[in-house]
Amino acid sequence: MLQKRTFTLFIVSLCTTILLSFFIYQKLTLLSFINISFIIAGSLLFLSLLTMTVKGGFFDGISYGFRRMFISKGQELSKKEINEMTPVSELLNFDHSPILFCGLLMTAIMLVALFIYYL
């Protein structure tokens, strides 16, 4: 199942790279493919690393501090209400690995195309 999602996301991002190259540069060249694939691969990698950071609980302490500081509807929140709130790390429940693998594949293809461009 993970491989199917990764492959589907990879095909979609590859088609998006080609279509954006046609729309932005009005032609498909190796340089335009490299430029657009860099942006897409970087976005995918950034999104996957951000979700890994959030799921790891890095922002749980920050959100807990904000919960204690803010007042809800003119009244302070009780400790029970604060402790019953779901941490930020538990709010994300999707698997980030297809996005990570797709970003790595797009980066690898971009690097191969870059190597061919400079030969």
PDB file of N, CA and C in Angstrom:
ATOM      1  N   MET A   1       0.817  -1.187   0.000  1.00  0.00           N
ATOM      2  CA  MET A   1       0.000   0.000   0.000  1.00  0.00           C
ATOM      3  C   MET A   1       0.868   1.260   0.000  1.00  0.00           C
ATOM      4  N   LEU A   2       1.954   1.226   0.777  1.00  0.00           N
ATOM      5  CA  LEU A   2       2.858   2.368   0.835  1.00  0.00           C
ATOM      6  C   LEU A   2       3.515   2.589  -0.524  1.00  0.00           C
ATOM      7  N   GLN A   3       3.893   1.502  -1.192  1.00  0.00           N
ATOM      8  CA  GLN A   3       4.534   1.637  -2.493  1.00  0.00           C
ATOM      9  C   GLN A   3       3.568   2.185  -3.534  1.00  0.00           C
ATOM     10  N   LYS A   4       2.288   1.806  -3.434  1.00  0.00           N
ATOM     11  CA  LYS A   4       1.300   2.297  -4.389  1.00  0.00           C
ATOM     12  C   LYS A   4       1.081   3.798  -4.214  1.00  0.00           C
ATOM     13  N   ARG A   5       0.995   4.255  -2.965  1.00  0.00           N
ATOM     14  CA  ARG A   5       0.824   5.690  -2.713  1.00  0.00           C
ATOM     15  C   ARG A   5       2.047   6.479  -3.169  1.00  0.00           C
ATOM     16  N   THR A   6       3.223   5.938  -2.890  1.00  0.00           N
ATOM     17  CA  THR A   6       4.450   6.615  -3.301  1.00  0.00           C
ATOM     18  C   THR A   6       4.537   6.706  -4.819  1.00  0.00           C
ATOM     19  N   PHE A   7       4.220   5.600  -5.506  1.00  0.00           N
ATOM     20  CA  PHE A   7       4.282   5.587  -6.967  1.00  0.00           C
ATOM     21  C   PHE A   7       3.258   6.544  -7.561  1.00  0.00           C
ATOM     22  N   THR A   8       2.048   6.570  -7.006  1.00  0.00           N
ATOM     23  CA  THR A   8       1.015   7.477  -7.512  1.00  0.00           C
ATOM     24  C   THR A   8       1.421   8.932  -7.299  1.00  0.00           C
ATOM     25  N   LEU A   9       1.917   9.250  -6.120  1.00  0.00           N
ATOM     26  CA  LEU A   9       2.361  10.613  -5.838  1.00  0.00           C
ATOM     27  C   LEU A   9       3.544  11.000  -6.725  1.00  0.00           C
ATOM     28  N   PHE A  10       4.425  10.046  -6.998  1.00  0.00           N
ATOM     29  CA  PHE A  10       5.569  10.305  -7.862  1.00  0.00           C
ATOM     30  C   PHE A  10       5.123  10.609  -9.292  1.00  0.00           C
ATOM     31  N   ILE A  11       4.179   9.819  -9.807  1.00  0.00           N
ATOM     32  CA  ILE A  11       3.681  10.050 -11.171  1.00  0.00           C
ATOM     33  C   ILE A  11       2.971  11.404 -11.251  1.00  0.00           C
ATOM     34  N   VAL A  12       2.181  11.728 -10.250  1.00  0.00           N
ATOM     35  CA  VAL A  12       1.482  13.015 -10.235  1.00  0.00           C
ATOM     36  C   VAL A  12       2.480  14.168 -10.186  1.00  0.00           C
ATOM     37  N   SER A  13       3.499  14.058  -9.354  1.00  0.00           N
ATOM     38  CA  SER A  13       4.484  15.146  -9.264  1.00  0.00           C
ATOM     39  C   SER A  13       5.323  15.251 -10.531  1.00  0.00           C
ATOM     40  N   LEU A  14       5.599  14.133 -11.173  1.00  0.00           N
ATOM     41  CA  LEU A  14       6.339  14.170 -12.442  1.00  0.00           C
ATOM     42  C   LEU A  14       5.502  14.825 -13.546  1.00  0.00           C
ATOM     43  N   CYS A  15       4.226  14.469 -13.616  1.00  0.00           N
ATOM     44  CA  CYS A  15       3.336  15.100 -14.607  1.00  0.00           C
ATOM     45  C   CYS A  15       3.159  16.588 -14.309  1.00  0.00           C
ATOM     46  N   THR A  16       3.085  16.934 -13.040  1.00  0.00           N
ATOM     47  CA  THR A  16       2.972  18.339 -12.648  1.00  0.00           C
ATOM     48  C   THR A  16       4.224  19.114 -13.052  1.00  0.00           C
ATOM     49  N   THR A  17       5.373  18.478 -12.905  1.00  0.00           N
ATOM     50  CA  THR A  17       6.627  19.119 -13.312  1.00  0.00           C
ATOM     51  C   THR A  17       6.629  19.406 -14.810  1.00  0.00           C
ATOM     52  N   ILE A  18       6.194  18.446 -15.600  1.00  0.00           N
ATOM     53  CA  ILE A  18       6.172  18.627 -17.056  1.00  0.00           C
ATOM     54  C   ILE A  18       5.151  19.688 -17.454  1.00  0.00           C
ATOM     55  N   LEU A  19       3.960  19.638 -16.841  1.00  0.00           N
ATOM     56  CA  LEU A  19       2.933  20.625 -17.181  1.00  0.00           C
ATOM     57  C   LEU A  19       3.335  22.040 -16.759  1.00  0.00           C
ATOM     58  N   LEU A  20       3.917  22.174 -15.585  1.00  0.00           N
ATOM     59  CA  LEU A  20       4.374  23.497 -15.155  1.00  0.00           C
ATOM     60  C   LEU A  20       5.505  24.020 -16.032  1.00  0.00           C
ATOM     61  N   SER A  21       6.322  23.126 -16.527  1.00  0.00           N
ATOM     62  CA  SER A  21       7.395  23.542 -17.430  1.00  0.00           C
ATOM     63  C   SER A  21       6.806  24.103 -18.728  1.00  0.00           C
ATOM     64  N   PHE A  22       5.744  23.455 -19.224  1.00  0.00           N
ATOM     65  CA  PHE A  22       5.082  23.983 -20.422  1.00  0.00           C
ATOM     66  C   PHE A  22       4.397  25.313 -20.144  1.00  0.00           C
ATOM     67  N   PHE A  23       3.740  25.448 -19.000  1.00  0.00           N
ATOM     68  CA  PHE A  23       3.013  26.673 -18.702  1.00  0.00           C
ATOM     69  C   PHE A  23       3.938  27.846 -18.404  1.00  0.00           C
ATOM     70  N   ILE A  24       5.010  27.610 -17.681  1.00  0.00           N
ATOM     71  CA  ILE A  24       5.893  28.711 -17.276  1.00  0.00           C
ATOM     72  C   ILE A  24       6.880  29.074 -18.379  1.00  0.00           C
ATOM     73  N   TYR A  25       7.526  28.066 -18.974  1.00  0.00           N
ATOM     74  CA  TYR A  25       8.572  28.333 -19.972  1.00  0.00           C
ATOM     75  C   TYR A  25       8.095  28.193 -21.416  1.00  0.00           C
ATOM     76  N   GLN A  26       6.859  27.757 -21.661  1.00  0.00           N
ATOM     77  CA  GLN A  26       6.262  27.537 -22.977  1.00  0.00           C
ATOM     78  C   GLN A  26       6.989  26.480 -23.807  1.00  0.00           C
ATOM     79  N   LYS A  27       7.868  25.724 -23.182  1.00  0.00           N
ATOM     80  CA  LYS A  27       8.548  24.618 -23.850  1.00  0.00           C
ATOM     81  C   LYS A  27       9.139  23.706 -22.779  1.00  0.00           C
ATOM     82  N   LEU A  28       9.449  22.503 -23.191  1.00  0.00           N
ATOM     83  CA  LEU A  28      10.041  21.542 -22.264  1.00  0.00           C
ATOM     84  C   LEU A  28      11.508  21.365 -22.627  1.00  0.00           C
ATOM     85  N   THR A  29      12.365  21.928 -21.811  1.00  0.00           N
ATOM     86  CA  THR A  29      13.799  21.747 -21.980  1.00  0.00           C
ATOM     87  C   THR A  29      14.339  21.099 -20.711  1.00  0.00           C
ATOM     88  N   LEU A  30      15.556  20.641 -20.792  1.00  0.00           N
ATOM     89  CA  LEU A  30      16.168  19.999 -19.636  1.00  0.00           C
ATOM     90  C   LEU A  30      16.332  20.988 -18.487  1.00  0.00           C
ATOM     91  N   LEU A  31      16.691  22.212 -18.806  1.00  0.00           N
ATOM     92  CA  LEU A  31      16.869  23.228 -17.774  1.00  0.00           C
ATOM     93  C   LEU A  31      15.547  23.591 -17.102  1.00  0.00           C
ATOM     94  N   SER A  32      14.489  23.722 -17.873  1.00  0.00           N
ATOM     95  CA  SER A  32      13.189  24.033 -17.271  1.00  0.00           C
ATOM     96  C   SER A  32      12.693  22.868 -16.418  1.00  0.00           C
ATOM     97  N   PHE A  33      12.944  21.637 -16.856  1.00  0.00           N
ATOM     98  CA  PHE A  33      12.571  20.467 -16.056  1.00  0.00           C
ATOM     99  C   PHE A  33      13.341  20.451 -14.732  1.00  0.00           C
ATOM    100  N   ILE A  34      14.619  20.774 -14.788  1.00  0.00           N
ATOM    101  CA  ILE A  34      15.441  20.803 -13.569  1.00  0.00           C
ATOM    102  C   ILE A  34      14.935  21.882 -12.610  1.00  0.00           C
ATOM    103  N   ASN A  35      14.623  23.055 -13.131  1.00  0.00           N
ATOM    104  CA  ASN A  35      14.155  24.151 -12.286  1.00  0.00           C
ATOM    105  C   ASN A  35      12.837  23.819 -11.587  1.00  0.00           C
ATOM    106  N   ILE A  36      11.878  23.314 -12.329  1.00  0.00           N
ATOM    107  CA  ILE A  36      10.569  23.012 -11.761  1.00  0.00           C
ATOM    108  C   ILE A  36      10.652  21.807 -10.829  1.00  0.00           C
ATOM    109  N   SER A  37      11.437  20.793 -11.188  1.00  0.00           N
ATOM    110  CA  SER A  37      11.535  19.620 -10.321  1.00  0.00           C
ATOM    111  C   SER A  37      12.250  19.947  -9.012  1.00  0.00           C
ATOM    112  N   PHE A  38      13.145  20.926  -9.040  1.00  0.00           N
ATOM    113  CA  PHE A  38      13.787  21.369  -7.800  1.00  0.00           C
ATOM    114  C   PHE A  38      12.760  21.971  -6.844  1.00  0.00           C
ATOM    115  N   ILE A  39      11.872  22.777  -7.370  1.00  0.00           N
ATOM    116  CA  ILE A  39      10.846  23.412  -6.537  1.00  0.00           C
ATOM    117  C   ILE A  39       9.883  22.367  -5.980  1.00  0.00           C
ATOM    118  N   ILE A  40       9.444  21.443  -6.807  1.00  0.00           N
ATOM    119  CA  ILE A  40       8.490  20.425  -6.363  1.00  0.00           C
ATOM    120  C   ILE A  40       9.143  19.472  -5.371  1.00  0.00           C
ATOM    121  N   ALA A  41      10.354  19.023  -5.658  1.00  0.00           N
ATOM    122  CA  ALA A  41      11.045  18.110  -4.742  1.00  0.00           C
ATOM    123  C   ALA A  41      11.342  18.796  -3.411  1.00  0.00           C
ATOM    124  N   GLY A  42      11.753  20.037  -3.458  1.00  0.00           N
ATOM    125  CA  GLY A  42      12.004  20.775  -2.226  1.00  0.00           C
ATOM    126  C   GLY A  42      10.741  20.965  -1.407  1.00  0.00           C
ATOM    127  N   SER A  43       9.634  21.236  -2.072  1.00  0.00           N
ATOM    128  CA  SER A  43       8.358  21.390  -1.364  1.00  0.00           C
ATOM    129  C   SER A  43       7.921  20.085  -0.709  1.00  0.00           C
ATOM    130  N   LEU A  44       8.068  18.981  -1.430  1.00  0.00           N
ATOM    131  CA  LEU A  44       7.697  17.681  -0.866  1.00  0.00           C
ATOM    132  C   LEU A  44       8.579  17.309   0.326  1.00  0.00           C
ATOM    133  N   LEU A  45       9.869  17.544   0.196  1.00  0.00           N
ATOM    134  CA  LEU A  45      10.777  17.239   1.298  1.00  0.00           C
ATOM    135  C   LEU A  45      10.510  18.139   2.498  1.00  0.00           C
ATOM    136  N   PHE A  46      10.241  19.412   2.257  1.00  0.00           N
ATOM    137  CA  PHE A  46       9.942  20.329   3.353  1.00  0.00           C
ATOM    138  C   PHE A  46       8.663  19.913   4.076  1.00  0.00           C
ATOM    139  N   LEU A  47       7.636  19.546   3.310  1.00  0.00           N
ATOM    140  CA  LEU A  47       6.376  19.130   3.911  1.00  0.00           C
ATOM    141  C   LEU A  47       6.536  17.860   4.738  1.00  0.00           C
ATOM    142  N   SER A  48       7.285  16.900   4.212  1.00  0.00           N
ATOM    143  CA  SER A  48       7.472  15.649   4.950  1.00  0.00           C
ATOM    144  C   SER A  48       8.318  15.863   6.207  1.00  0.00           C
ATOM    145  N   LEU A  49       9.345  16.689   6.130  1.00  0.00           N
ATOM    146  CA  LEU A  49      10.162  16.949   7.315  1.00  0.00           C
ATOM    147  C   LEU A  49       9.408  17.771   8.354  1.00  0.00           C
ATOM    148  N   LEU A  50       8.537  18.673   7.897  1.00  0.00           N
ATOM    149  CA  LEU A  50       7.711  19.433   8.831  1.00  0.00           C
ATOM    150  C   LEU A  50       6.735  18.513   9.568  1.00  0.00           C
ATOM    151  N   THR A  51       6.107  17.593   8.854  1.00  0.00           N
ATOM    152  CA  THR A  51       5.182  16.669   9.514  1.00  0.00           C
ATOM    153  C   THR A  51       5.919  15.727  10.456  1.00  0.00           C
ATOM    154  N   MET A  52       7.137  15.330  10.098  1.00  0.00           N
ATOM    155  CA  MET A  52       7.920  14.493  11.011  1.00  0.00           C
ATOM    156  C   MET A  52       8.237  15.250  12.294  1.00  0.00           C
ATOM    157  N   THR A  53       8.549  16.523  12.174  1.00  0.00           N
ATOM    158  CA  THR A  53       8.862  17.342  13.347  1.00  0.00           C
ATOM    159  C   THR A  53       7.637  17.526  14.239  1.00  0.00           C
ATOM    160  N   VAL A  54       6.506  17.801  13.618  1.00  0.00           N
ATOM    161  CA  VAL A  54       5.279  17.997  14.394  1.00  0.00           C
ATOM    162  C   VAL A  54       4.851  16.692  15.047  1.00  0.00           C
ATOM    163  N   LYS A  55       4.912  15.579  14.301  1.00  0.00           N
ATOM    164  CA  LYS A  55       4.526  14.285  14.863  1.00  0.00           C
ATOM    165  C   LYS A  55       5.475  13.829  15.963  1.00  0.00           C
ATOM    166  N   GLY A  56       6.691  14.293  15.942  1.00  0.00           N
ATOM    167  CA  GLY A  56       7.660  13.935  16.963  1.00  0.00           C
ATOM    168  C   GLY A  56       7.422  14.630  18.296  1.00  0.00           C
ATOM    169  N   GLY A  57       6.527  15.612  18.321  1.00  0.00           N
ATOM    170  CA  GLY A  57       6.190  16.267  19.571  1.00  0.00           C
ATOM    171  C   GLY A  57       6.988  17.519  19.859  1.00  0.00           C
ATOM    172  N   PHE A  58       7.667  18.042  18.869  1.00  0.00           N
ATOM    173  CA  PHE A  58       8.501  19.227  19.083  1.00  0.00           C
ATOM    174  C   PHE A  58       7.665  20.437  19.496  1.00  0.00           C
ATOM    175  N   PHE A  59       6.485  20.588  18.923  1.00  0.00           N
ATOM    176  CA  PHE A  59       5.653  21.752  19.190  1.00  0.00           C
ATOM    177  C   PHE A  59       4.632  21.524  20.300  1.00  0.00           C
ATOM    178  N   ASP A  60       4.643  20.367  20.940  1.00  0.00           N
ATOM    179  CA  ASP A  60       3.678  20.096  22.011  1.00  0.00           C
ATOM    180  C   ASP A  60       3.881  21.012  23.208  1.00  0.00           C
ATOM    181  N   GLY A  61       5.110  21.250  23.591  1.00  0.00           N
ATOM    182  CA  GLY A  61       5.391  22.137  24.716  1.00  0.00           C
ATOM    183  C   GLY A  61       4.993  23.567  24.435  1.00  0.00           C
ATOM    184  N   ILE A  62       5.229  24.008  23.200  1.00  0.00           N
ATOM    185  CA  ILE A  62       4.860  25.368  22.821  1.00  0.00           C
ATOM    186  C   ILE A  62       3.349  25.534  22.849  1.00  0.00           C
ATOM    187  N   SER A  63       2.630  24.567  22.289  1.00  0.00           N
ATOM    188  CA  SER A  63       1.168  24.671  22.277  1.00  0.00           C
ATOM    189  C   SER A  63       0.596  24.559  23.690  1.00  0.00           C
ATOM    190  N   TYR A  64       1.216  23.752  24.542  1.00  0.00           N
ATOM    191  CA  TYR A  64       0.768  23.651  25.937  1.00  0.00           C
ATOM    192  C   TYR A  64       0.939  24.996  26.657  1.00  0.00           C
ATOM    193  N   GLY A  65       2.048  25.665  26.401  1.00  0.00           N
ATOM    194  CA  GLY A  65       2.273  26.978  26.999  1.00  0.00           C
ATOM    195  C   GLY A  65       1.263  28.008  26.528  1.00  0.00           C
ATOM    196  N   PHE A  66       0.928  27.994  25.227  1.00  0.00           N
ATOM    197  CA  PHE A  66      -0.077  28.914  24.719  1.00  0.00           C
ATOM    198  C   PHE A  66      -1.451  28.614  25.300  1.00  0.00           C
ATOM    199  N   ARG A  67      -1.752  27.349  25.492  1.00  0.00           N
ATOM    200  CA  ARG A  67      -3.044  26.986  26.079  1.00  0.00           C
ATOM    201  C   ARG A  67      -3.179  27.527  27.495  1.00  0.00           C
ATOM    202  N   ARG A  68      -2.107  27.489  28.233  1.00  0.00           N
ATOM    203  CA  ARG A  68      -2.163  27.993  29.609  1.00  0.00           C
ATOM    204  C   ARG A  68      -2.245  29.507  29.648  1.00  0.00           C
ATOM    205  N   MET A  69      -1.700  30.155  28.640  1.00  0.00           N
ATOM    206  CA  MET A  69      -1.636  31.609  28.647  1.00  0.00           C
ATOM    207  C   MET A  69      -2.956  32.246  28.198  1.00  0.00           C
ATOM    208  N   PHE A  70      -3.594  31.674  27.180  1.00  0.00           N
ATOM    209  CA  PHE A  70      -4.778  32.303  26.618  1.00  0.00           C
ATOM    210  C   PHE A  70      -6.012  32.047  27.467  1.00  0.00           C
ATOM    211  N   ILE A  71      -6.929  32.971  27.378  1.00  0.00           N
ATOM    212  CA  ILE A  71      -8.185  32.881  28.114  1.00  0.00           C
ATOM    213  C   ILE A  71      -9.277  32.530  27.122  1.00  0.00           C
ATOM    214  N   SER A  72     -10.142  31.603  27.489  1.00  0.00           N
ATOM    215  CA  SER A  72     -11.217  31.164  26.611  1.00  0.00           C
ATOM    216  C   SER A  72     -12.540  31.769  27.060  1.00  0.00           C
ATOM    217  N   LYS A  73     -13.183  32.534  26.184  1.00  0.00           N
ATOM    218  CA  LYS A  73     -14.507  33.127  26.423  1.00  0.00           C
ATOM    219  C   LYS A  73     -14.548  33.978  27.704  1.00  0.00           C
ATOM    220  N   GLY A  74     -13.498  34.691  27.989  1.00  0.00           N
ATOM    221  CA  GLY A  74     -13.468  35.563  29.140  1.00  0.00           C
ATOM    222  C   GLY A  74     -13.145  34.873  30.452  1.00  0.00           C
ATOM    223  N   GLN A  75     -13.015  33.559  30.447  1.00  0.00           N
ATOM    224  CA  GLN A  75     -12.692  32.822  31.666  1.00  0.00           C
ATOM    225  C   GLN A  75     -11.402  32.053  31.452  1.00  0.00           C
ATOM    226  N   GLU A  76     -10.673  31.907  32.523  1.00  0.00           N
ATOM    227  CA  GLU A  76      -9.446  31.122  32.420  1.00  0.00           C
ATOM    228  C   GLU A  76      -9.794  29.645  32.309  1.00  0.00           C
ATOM    229  N   LEU A  77      -8.950  28.924  31.589  1.00  0.00           N
ATOM    230  CA  LEU A  77      -9.150  27.491  31.447  1.00  0.00           C
ATOM    231  C   LEU A  77      -8.678  26.780  32.703  1.00  0.00           C
ATOM    232  N   SER A  78      -9.401  25.763  33.096  1.00  0.00           N
ATOM    233  CA  SER A  78      -8.967  24.977  34.248  1.00  0.00           C
ATOM    234  C   SER A  78      -7.873  24.011  33.828  1.00  0.00           C
ATOM    235  N   LYS A  79      -7.152  23.476  34.784  1.00  0.00           N
ATOM    236  CA  LYS A  79      -6.082  22.526  34.474  1.00  0.00           C
ATOM    237  C   LYS A  79      -6.644  21.277  33.814  1.00  0.00           C
ATOM    238  N   LYS A  80      -7.848  20.893  34.202  1.00  0.00           N
ATOM    239  CA  LYS A  80      -8.481  19.721  33.599  1.00  0.00           C
ATOM    240  C   LYS A  80      -8.754  19.962  32.117  1.00  0.00           C
ATOM    241  N   GLU A  81      -9.250  21.158  31.772  1.00  0.00           N
ATOM    242  CA  GLU A  81      -9.517  21.488  30.374  1.00  0.00           C
ATOM    243  C   GLU A  81      -8.227  21.540  29.565  1.00  0.00           C
ATOM    244  N   ILE A  82      -7.182  22.055  30.159  1.00  0.00           N
ATOM    245  CA  ILE A  82      -5.894  22.137  29.461  1.00  0.00           C
ATOM    246  C   ILE A  82      -5.333  20.739  29.212  1.00  0.00           C
ATOM    247  N   ASN A  83      -5.428  19.873  30.203  1.00  0.00           N
ATOM    248  CA  ASN A  83      -4.886  18.523  30.061  1.00  0.00           C
ATOM    249  C   ASN A  83      -5.721  17.646  29.139  1.00  0.00           C
ATOM    250  N   GLU A  84      -7.007  17.965  28.970  1.00  0.00           N
ATOM    251  CA  GLU A  84      -7.859  17.174  28.097  1.00  0.00           C
ATOM    252  C   GLU A  84      -7.684  17.532  26.626  1.00  0.00           C
ATOM    253  N   MET A  85      -7.069  18.659  26.328  1.00  0.00           N
ATOM    254  CA  MET A  85      -6.859  19.053  24.937  1.00  0.00           C
ATOM    255  C   MET A  85      -5.852  18.120  24.278  1.00  0.00           C
ATOM    256  N   THR A  86      -6.109  17.804  23.036  1.00  0.00           N
ATOM    257  CA  THR A  86      -5.241  16.899  22.288  1.00  0.00           C
ATOM    258  C   THR A  86      -3.946  17.612  21.914  1.00  0.00           C
ATOM    259  N   PRO A  87      -2.793  16.982  22.154  1.00  0.00           N
ATOM    260  CA  PRO A  87      -1.526  17.602  21.736  1.00  0.00           C
ATOM    261  C   PRO A  87      -1.436  17.712  20.212  1.00  0.00           C
ATOM    262  N   VAL A  88      -0.637  18.630  19.749  1.00  0.00           N
ATOM    263  CA  VAL A  88      -0.483  18.865  18.319  1.00  0.00           C
ATOM    264  C   VAL A  88       0.061  17.622  17.616  1.00  0.00           C
ATOM    265  N   SER A  89       0.929  16.876  18.271  1.00  0.00           N
ATOM    266  CA  SER A  89       1.517  15.696  17.643  1.00  0.00           C
ATOM    267  C   SER A  89       0.497  14.602  17.394  1.00  0.00           C
ATOM    268  N   GLU A  90      -0.599  14.595  18.125  1.00  0.00           N
ATOM    269  CA  GLU A  90      -1.631  13.583  17.915  1.00  0.00           C
ATOM    270  C   GLU A  90      -2.690  14.018  16.908  1.00  0.00           C
ATOM    271  N   LEU A  91      -2.658  15.267  16.480  1.00  0.00           N
ATOM    272  CA  LEU A  91      -3.628  15.748  15.507  1.00  0.00           C
ATOM    273  C   LEU A  91      -3.309  15.277  14.089  1.00  0.00           C
ATOM    274  N   LEU A  92      -2.040  15.087  13.785  1.00  0.00           N
ATOM    275  CA  LEU A  92      -1.651  14.580  12.472  1.00  0.00           C
ATOM    276  C   LEU A  92      -1.659  13.064  12.516  1.00  0.00           C
ATOM    277  N   ASN A  93      -2.518  12.462  11.723  1.00  0.00           N
ATOM    278  CA  ASN A  93      -2.610  11.016  11.764  1.00  0.00           C
ATOM    279  C   ASN A  93      -2.374  10.356  10.409  1.00  0.00           C
ATOM    280  N   PHE A  94      -1.776  11.067   9.468  1.00  0.00           N
ATOM    281  CA  PHE A  94      -1.474  10.452   8.186  1.00  0.00           C
ATOM    282  C   PHE A  94       0.000  10.070   8.116  1.00  0.00           C
ATOM    283  N   ASP A  95       0.293   9.165   7.197  1.00  0.00           N
ATOM    284  CA  ASP A  95       1.658   8.669   7.045  1.00  0.00           C
ATOM    285  C   ASP A  95       2.450   9.627   6.148  1.00  0.00           C
ATOM    286  N   HIS A  96       3.580  10.097   6.629  1.00  0.00           N
ATOM    287  CA  HIS A  96       4.385  11.061   5.877  1.00  0.00           C
ATOM    288  C   HIS A  96       5.412  10.385   4.967  1.00  0.00           C
ATOM    289  N   SER A  97       5.602   9.087   5.092  1.00  0.00           N
ATOM    290  CA  SER A  97       6.664   8.435   4.319  1.00  0.00           C
ATOM    291  C   SER A  97       6.443   8.429   2.798  1.00  0.00           C
ATOM    292  N   PRO A  98       5.207   8.336   2.247  1.00  0.00           N
ATOM    293  CA  PRO A  98       5.106   8.458   0.788  1.00  0.00           C
ATOM    294  C   PRO A  98       5.567   9.824   0.274  1.00  0.00           C
ATOM    295  N   ILE A  99       5.288  10.878   1.029  1.00  0.00           N
ATOM    296  CA  ILE A  99       5.722  12.213   0.621  1.00  0.00           C
ATOM    297  C   ILE A  99       7.242  12.310   0.675  1.00  0.00           C
ATOM    298  N   LEU A 100       7.837  11.720   1.704  1.00  0.00           N
ATOM    299  CA  LEU A 100       9.291  11.737   1.840  1.00  0.00           C
ATOM    300  C   LEU A 100       9.965  10.965   0.716  1.00  0.00           C
ATOM    301  N   PHE A 101       9.483   9.755   0.435  1.00  0.00           N
ATOM    302  CA  PHE A 101      10.082   8.950  -0.624  1.00  0.00           C
ATOM    303  C   PHE A 101       9.887   9.587  -1.999  1.00  0.00           C
ATOM    304  N   CYS A 102       8.732  10.189  -2.224  1.00  0.00           N
ATOM    305  CA  CYS A 102       8.500  10.867  -3.501  1.00  0.00           C
ATOM    306  C   CYS A 102       9.432  12.074  -3.642  1.00  0.00           C
ATOM    307  N   GLY A 103       9.620  12.818  -2.564  1.00  0.00           N
ATOM    308  CA  GLY A 103      10.546  13.948  -2.613  1.00  0.00           C
ATOM    309  C   GLY A 103      11.977  13.503  -2.876  1.00  0.00           C
ATOM    310  N   LEU A 104      12.358  12.374  -2.277  1.00  0.00           N
ATOM    311  CA  LEU A 104      13.709  11.843  -2.524  1.00  0.00           C
ATOM    312  C   LEU A 104      13.861  11.355  -3.959  1.00  0.00           C
ATOM    313  N   LEU A 105      12.818  10.714  -4.502  1.00  0.00           N
ATOM    314  CA  LEU A 105      12.869  10.264  -5.908  1.00  0.00           C
ATOM    315  C   LEU A 105      12.954  11.453  -6.866  1.00  0.00           C
ATOM    316  N   MET A 106      12.168  12.480  -6.599  1.00  0.00           N
ATOM    317  CA  MET A 106      12.212  13.669  -7.448  1.00  0.00           C
ATOM    318  C   MET A 106      13.573  14.360  -7.357  1.00  0.00           C
ATOM    319  N   THR A 107      14.163  14.358  -6.173  1.00  0.00           N
ATOM    320  CA  THR A 107      15.500  14.933  -6.013  1.00  0.00           C
ATOM    321  C   THR A 107      16.529  14.122  -6.787  1.00  0.00           C
ATOM    322  N   ALA A 108      16.412  12.798  -6.744  1.00  0.00           N
ATOM    323  CA  ALA A 108      17.338  11.943  -7.480  1.00  0.00           C
ATOM    324  C   ALA A 108      17.209  12.166  -8.983  1.00  0.00           C
ATOM    325  N   ILE A 109      15.986  12.268  -9.484  1.00  0.00           N
ATOM    326  CA  ILE A 109      15.788  12.518 -10.918  1.00  0.00           C
ATOM    327  C   ILE A 109      16.322  13.891 -11.302  1.00  0.00           C
ATOM    328  N   MET A 110      16.117  14.879 -10.442  1.00  0.00           N
ATOM    329  CA  MET A 110      16.639  16.215 -10.711  1.00  0.00           C
ATOM    330  C   MET A 110      18.165  16.202 -10.766  1.00  0.00           C
ATOM    331  N   LEU A 111      18.796  15.460  -9.854  1.00  0.00           N
ATOM    332  CA  LEU A 111      20.261  15.391  -9.851  1.00  0.00           C
ATOM    333  C   LEU A 111      20.797  14.668 -11.084  1.00  0.00           C
ATOM    334  N   VAL A 112      20.112  13.618 -11.525  1.00  0.00           N
ATOM    335  CA  VAL A 112      20.524  12.923 -12.758  1.00  0.00           C
ATOM    336  C   VAL A 112      20.387  13.872 -13.952  1.00  0.00           C
ATOM    337  N   ALA A 113      19.270  14.595 -14.013  1.00  0.00           N
ATOM    338  CA  ALA A 113      19.084  15.552 -15.107  1.00  0.00           C
ATOM    339  C   ALA A 113      20.121  16.670 -15.041  1.00  0.00           C
ATOM    340  N   LEU A 114      20.478  17.089 -13.853  1.00  0.00           N
ATOM    341  CA  LEU A 114      21.514  18.110 -13.689  1.00  0.00           C
ATOM    342  C   LEU A 114      22.884  17.612 -14.144  1.00  0.00           C
ATOM    343  N   PHE A 115      23.156  16.355 -13.823  1.00  0.00           N
ATOM    344  CA  PHE A 115      24.419  15.747 -14.258  1.00  0.00           C
ATOM    345  C   PHE A 115      24.466  15.660 -15.799  1.00  0.00           C
ATOM    346  N   ILE A 116      23.350  15.269 -16.421  1.00  0.00           N
ATOM    347  CA  ILE A 116      23.289  15.198 -17.883  1.00  0.00           C
ATOM    348  C   ILE A 116      23.424  16.595 -18.491  1.00  0.00           C
ATOM    349  N   TYR A 117      22.829  17.600 -17.859  1.00  0.00           N
ATOM    350  CA  TYR A 117      22.886  18.962 -18.366  1.00  0.00           C
ATOM    351  C   TYR A 117      24.319  19.491 -18.394  1.00  0.00           C
ATOM    352  N   TYR A 118      25.115  19.148 -17.385  1.00  0.00           N
ATOM    353  CA  TYR A 118      26.473  19.668 -17.313  1.00  0.00           C
ATOM    354  C   TYR A 118      27.487  18.817 -18.061  1.00  0.00           C
ATOM    355  N   LEU A 119      27.073  17.731 -18.668  1.00  0.00           N
ATOM    356  CA  LEU A 119      28.002  16.925 -19.487  1.00  0.00           C
ATOM    357  C   LEU A 119      28.176  17.453 -20.863  1.00  0.00           C
TER     358      LEU A 119
END
